[in-house]
């Protein structure tokens, strides 16, 4: 349902990532955040033109 809403709003699906991470998985959390941040940087400014 979230994907459908994002499509309707014109938001690229790659701008959302959901991961389950335990509090004991600090290194995994850091990897996920670093990867996601890199992806968002590559995508550039949102087509909506506003920070969300």
PDB file of N, CA and C in Angstrom:
ATOM      1  N   UNK A   1       0.809  -1.176   0.000  1.00  0.00           N
ATOM      2  CA  UNK A   1       0.000   0.000   0.000  1.00  0.00           C
ATOM      3  C   UNK A   1       0.872   1.268   0.000  1.00  0.00           C
ATOM      4  N   UNK A   2       1.967   1.198   0.712  1.00  0.00           N
ATOM      5  CA  UNK A   2       2.876   2.349   0.752  1.00  0.00           C
ATOM      6  C   UNK A   2       3.431   2.614  -0.644  1.00  0.00           C
ATOM      7  N   UNK A   3       3.786   1.541  -1.371  1.00  0.00           N
ATOM      8  CA  UNK A   3       4.330   1.717  -2.720  1.00  0.00           C
ATOM      9  C   UNK A   3       3.309   2.408  -3.617  1.00  0.00           C
ATOM     10  N   UNK A   4       2.043   2.028  -3.505  1.00  0.00           N
ATOM     11  CA  UNK A   4       0.993   2.643  -4.313  1.00  0.00           C
ATOM     12  C   UNK A   4       0.862   4.131  -4.000  1.00  0.00           C
ATOM     13  N   UNK A   5       0.917   4.475  -2.728  1.00  0.00           N
ATOM     14  CA  UNK A   5       0.832   5.875  -2.322  1.00  0.00           C
ATOM     15  C   UNK A   5       2.025   6.667  -2.856  1.00  0.00           C
ATOM     16  N   UNK A   6       3.202   6.093  -2.761  1.00  0.00           N
ATOM     17  CA  UNK A   6       4.391   6.769  -3.270  1.00  0.00           C
ATOM     18  C   UNK A   6       4.276   6.994  -4.775  1.00  0.00           C
ATOM     19  N   UNK A   7       3.770   5.979  -5.504  1.00  0.00           N
ATOM     20  CA  UNK A   7       3.578   6.121  -6.943  1.00  0.00           C
ATOM     21  C   UNK A   7       2.589   7.245  -7.246  1.00  0.00           C
ATOM     22  N   UNK A   8       1.501   7.303  -6.502  1.00  0.00           N
ATOM     23  CA  UNK A   8       0.496   8.352  -6.715  1.00  0.00           C
ATOM     24  C   UNK A   8       1.067   9.751  -6.465  1.00  0.00           C
ATOM     25  N   UNK A   9       1.946   9.853  -5.490  1.00  0.00           N
ATOM     26  CA  UNK A   9       2.548  11.137  -5.147  1.00  0.00           C
ATOM     27  C   UNK A   9       3.750  11.487  -6.027  1.00  0.00           C
ATOM     28  N   UNK A  10       4.196  10.523  -6.843  1.00  0.00           N
ATOM     29  CA  UNK A  10       5.345  10.765  -7.706  1.00  0.00           C
ATOM     30  C   UNK A  10       6.674  10.673  -6.991  1.00  0.00           C
ATOM     31  N   UNK A  11       6.715   9.883  -5.928  1.00  0.00           N
ATOM     32  CA  UNK A  11       7.946   9.713  -5.156  1.00  0.00           C
ATOM     33  C   UNK A  11       8.612   8.414  -5.580  1.00  0.00           C
ATOM     34  N   UNK A  12       9.879   8.495  -5.932  1.00  0.00           N
ATOM     35  CA  UNK A  12      10.651   7.320  -6.337  1.00  0.00           C
ATOM     36  C   UNK A  12      10.680   6.313  -5.200  1.00  0.00           C
ATOM     37  N   UNK A  13      10.359   5.064  -5.488  1.00  0.00           N
ATOM     38  CA  UNK A  13      10.321   4.005  -4.467  1.00  0.00           C
ATOM     39  C   UNK A  13      11.668   3.791  -3.784  1.00  0.00           C
ATOM     40  N   UNK A  14      12.743   4.146  -4.445  1.00  0.00           N
ATOM     41  CA  UNK A  14      14.075   3.957  -3.861  1.00  0.00           C
ATOM     42  C   UNK A  14      14.349   4.933  -2.717  1.00  0.00           C
ATOM     43  N   UNK A  15      13.441   5.877  -2.477  1.00  0.00           N
ATOM     44  CA  UNK A  15      13.611   6.848  -1.394  1.00  0.00           C
ATOM     45  C   UNK A  15      13.078   6.341  -0.062  1.00  0.00           C
ATOM     46  N   UNK A  16      12.608   5.107  -0.034  1.00  0.00           N
ATOM     47  CA  UNK A  16      12.113   4.509   1.205  1.00  0.00           C
ATOM     48  C   UNK A  16      12.733   3.131   1.382  1.00  0.00           C
ATOM     49  N   UNK A  17      13.225   2.868   2.565  1.00  0.00           N
ATOM     50  CA  UNK A  17      13.763   1.540   2.878  1.00  0.00           C
ATOM     51  C   UNK A  17      13.350   1.195   4.305  1.00  0.00           C
ATOM     52  N   UNK A  18      12.810   0.019   4.476  1.00  0.00           N
ATOM     53  CA  UNK A  18      12.422  -0.449   5.800  1.00  0.00           C
ATOM     54  C   UNK A  18      13.255  -1.673   6.144  1.00  0.00           C
ATOM     55  N   UNK A  19      13.911  -1.634   7.283  1.00  0.00           N
ATOM     56  CA  UNK A  19      14.747  -2.738   7.750  1.00  0.00           C
ATOM     57  C   UNK A  19      14.499  -2.939   9.236  1.00  0.00           C
ATOM     58  N   UNK A  20      14.459  -4.177   9.656  1.00  0.00           N
ATOM     59  CA  UNK A  20      14.388  -4.478  11.087  1.00  0.00           C
ATOM     60  C   UNK A  20      15.806  -4.657  11.592  1.00  0.00           C
ATOM     61  N   UNK A  21      16.161  -3.894  12.622  1.00  0.00           N
ATOM     62  CA  UNK A  21      17.510  -3.963  13.179  1.00  0.00           C
ATOM     63  C   UNK A  21      17.410  -4.004  14.698  1.00  0.00           C
ATOM     64  N   UNK A  22      18.071  -4.965  15.281  1.00  0.00           N
ATOM     65  CA  UNK A  22      18.105  -5.105  16.730  1.00  0.00           C
ATOM     66  C   UNK A  22      19.058  -4.070  17.337  1.00  0.00           C
ATOM     67  N   UNK A  23      18.831  -3.733  18.577  1.00  0.00           N
ATOM     68  CA  UNK A  23      19.726  -2.793  19.257  1.00  0.00           C
ATOM     69  C   UNK A  23      21.136  -3.363  19.389  1.00  0.00           C
ATOM     70  N   UNK A  24      21.271  -4.683  19.243  1.00  0.00           N
ATOM     71  CA  UNK A  24      22.577  -5.326  19.327  1.00  0.00           C
ATOM     72  C   UNK A  24      23.315  -5.344  17.984  1.00  0.00           C
ATOM     73  N   UNK A  25      22.694  -4.798  16.949  1.00  0.00           N
ATOM     74  CA  UNK A  25      23.271  -4.848  15.608  1.00  0.00           C
ATOM     75  C   UNK A  25      23.757  -3.471  15.151  1.00  0.00           C
ATOM     76  N   UNK A  26      24.607  -2.873  15.945  1.00  0.00           N
ATOM     77  CA  UNK A  26      25.112  -1.538  15.629  1.00  0.00           C
ATOM     78  C   UNK A  26      25.844  -1.465  14.302  1.00  0.00           C
ATOM     79  N   UNK A  27      26.690  -2.444  14.015  1.00  0.00           N
ATOM     80  CA  UNK A  27      27.450  -2.444  12.765  1.00  0.00           C
ATOM     81  C   UNK A  27      26.513  -2.590  11.563  1.00  0.00           C
ATOM     82  N   UNK A  28      25.521  -3.447  11.683  1.00  0.00           N
ATOM     83  CA  UNK A  28      24.548  -3.640  10.600  1.00  0.00           C
ATOM     84  C   UNK A  28      23.750  -2.357  10.375  1.00  0.00           C
ATOM     85  N   UNK A  29      23.340  -1.698  11.458  1.00  0.00           N
ATOM     86  CA  UNK A  29      22.616  -0.436  11.355  1.00  0.00           C
ATOM     87  C   UNK A  29      23.451   0.597  10.596  1.00  0.00           C
ATOM     88  N   UNK A  30      24.725   0.698  10.952  1.00  0.00           N
ATOM     89  CA  UNK A  30      25.617   1.655  10.294  1.00  0.00           C
ATOM     90  C   UNK A  30      25.736   1.355   8.800  1.00  0.00           C
ATOM     91  N   UNK A  31      25.830   0.089   8.433  1.00  0.00           N
ATOM     92  CA  UNK A  31      25.917  -0.298   7.021  1.00  0.00           C
ATOM     93  C   UNK A  31      24.647   0.092   6.267  1.00  0.00           C
ATOM     94  N   UNK A  32      23.498  -0.170   6.863  1.00  0.00           N
ATOM     95  CA  UNK A  32      22.220   0.146   6.227  1.00  0.00           C
ATOM     96  C   UNK A  32      22.080   1.652   6.020  1.00  0.00           C
ATOM     97  N   UNK A  33      22.398   2.421   7.045  1.00  0.00           N
ATOM     98  CA  UNK A  33      22.275   3.881   6.956  1.00  0.00           C
ATOM     99  C   UNK A  33      23.253   4.441   5.927  1.00  0.00           C
ATOM    100  N   UNK A  34      24.473   3.951   5.918  1.00  0.00           N
ATOM    101  CA  UNK A  34      25.472   4.418   4.956  1.00  0.00           C
ATOM    102  C   UNK A  34      25.044   4.107   3.533  1.00  0.00           C
ATOM    103  N   UNK A  35      24.547   2.900   3.306  1.00  0.00           N
ATOM    104  CA  UNK A  35      24.080   2.503   1.983  1.00  0.00           C
ATOM    105  C   UNK A  35      22.892   3.346   1.537  1.00  0.00           C
ATOM    106  N   UNK A  36      21.935   3.542   2.432  1.00  0.00           N
ATOM    107  CA  UNK A  36      20.743   4.316   2.102  1.00  0.00           C
ATOM    108  C   UNK A  36      21.100   5.786   1.829  1.00  0.00           C
ATOM    109  N   UNK A  37      21.971   6.338   2.630  1.00  0.00           N
ATOM    110  CA  UNK A  37      22.400   7.720   2.436  1.00  0.00           C
ATOM    111  C   UNK A  37      23.069   7.890   1.073  1.00  0.00           C
ATOM    112  N   UNK A  38      23.915   6.928   0.710  1.00  0.00           N
ATOM    113  CA  UNK A  38      24.567   6.973  -0.602  1.00  0.00           C
ATOM    114  C   UNK A  38      23.554   6.926  -1.734  1.00  0.00           C
ATOM    115  N   UNK A  39      22.545   6.085  -1.590  1.00  0.00           N
ATOM    116  CA  UNK A  39      21.507   5.969  -2.615  1.00  0.00           C
ATOM    117  C   UNK A  39      20.748   7.287  -2.764  1.00  0.00           C
ATOM    118  N   UNK A  40      20.386   7.901  -1.648  1.00  0.00           N
ATOM    119  CA  UNK A  40      19.657   9.162  -1.700  1.00  0.00           C
ATOM    120  C   UNK A  40      20.523  10.256  -2.330  1.00  0.00           C
ATOM    121  N   UNK A  41      21.803  10.273  -2.021  1.00  0.00           N
ATOM    122  CA  UNK A  41      22.716  11.253  -2.621  1.00  0.00           C
ATOM    123  C   UNK A  41      22.767  11.063  -4.140  1.00  0.00           C
ATOM    124  N   UNK A  42      22.812   9.803  -4.598  1.00  0.00           N
ATOM    125  CA  UNK A  42      22.836   9.514  -6.031  1.00  0.00           C
ATOM    126  C   UNK A  42      21.541   9.953  -6.706  1.00  0.00           C
ATOM    127  N   UNK A  43      20.419   9.762  -6.042  1.00  0.00           N
ATOM    128  CA  UNK A  43      19.127  10.137  -6.620  1.00  0.00           C
ATOM    129  C   UNK A  43      18.982  11.652  -6.739  1.00  0.00           C
ATOM    130  N   UNK A  44      19.648  12.375  -5.866  1.00  0.00           N
ATOM    131  CA  UNK A  44      19.579  13.826  -5.911  1.00  0.00           C
ATOM    132  C   UNK A  44      18.287  14.362  -5.319  1.00  0.00           C
ATOM    133  N   UNK A  45      17.999  15.597  -5.659  1.00  0.00           N
ATOM    134  CA  UNK A  45      16.836  16.276  -5.122  1.00  0.00           C
ATOM    135  C   UNK A  45      15.553  15.569  -5.545  1.00  0.00           C
ATOM    136  N   UNK A  46      14.608  15.522  -4.623  1.00  0.00           N
ATOM    137  CA  UNK A  46      13.311  14.911  -4.890  1.00  0.00           C
ATOM    138  C   UNK A  46      12.583  15.672  -5.989  1.00  0.00           C
ATOM    139  N   UNK A  47      11.801  14.951  -6.770  1.00  0.00           N
ATOM    140  CA  UNK A  47      11.015  15.577  -7.826  1.00  0.00           C
ATOM    141  C   UNK A  47       9.936  16.496  -7.253  1.00  0.00           C
ATOM    142  N   UNK A  48       9.626  16.316  -5.965  1.00  0.00           N
ATOM    143  CA  UNK A  48       8.631  17.162  -5.318  1.00  0.00           C
ATOM    144  C   UNK A  48       9.193  18.544  -5.011  1.00  0.00           C
ATOM    145  N   UNK A  49      10.513  18.626  -4.884  1.00  0.00           N
ATOM    146  CA  UNK A  49      11.153  19.903  -4.647  1.00  0.00           C
ATOM    147  C   UNK A  49      11.043  20.402  -3.207  1.00  0.00           C
ATOM    148  N   UNK A  50      10.631  19.538  -2.288  1.00  0.00           N
ATOM    149  CA  UNK A  50      10.540  19.921  -0.885  1.00  0.00           C
ATOM    150  C   UNK A  50      11.155  18.836  -0.031  1.00  0.00           C
ATOM    151  N   UNK A  51      11.635  19.222   1.125  1.00  0.00           N
ATOM    152  CA  UNK A  51      12.167  18.230   2.062  1.00  0.00           C
ATOM    153  C   UNK A  51      10.994  17.573   2.773  1.00  0.00           C
ATOM    154  N   UNK A  52      11.057  16.267   2.861  1.00  0.00           N
ATOM    155  CA  UNK A  52       9.961  15.548   3.526  1.00  0.00           C
ATOM    156  C   UNK A  52      10.508  14.754   4.685  1.00  0.00           C
TER     157      UNK A  52
END
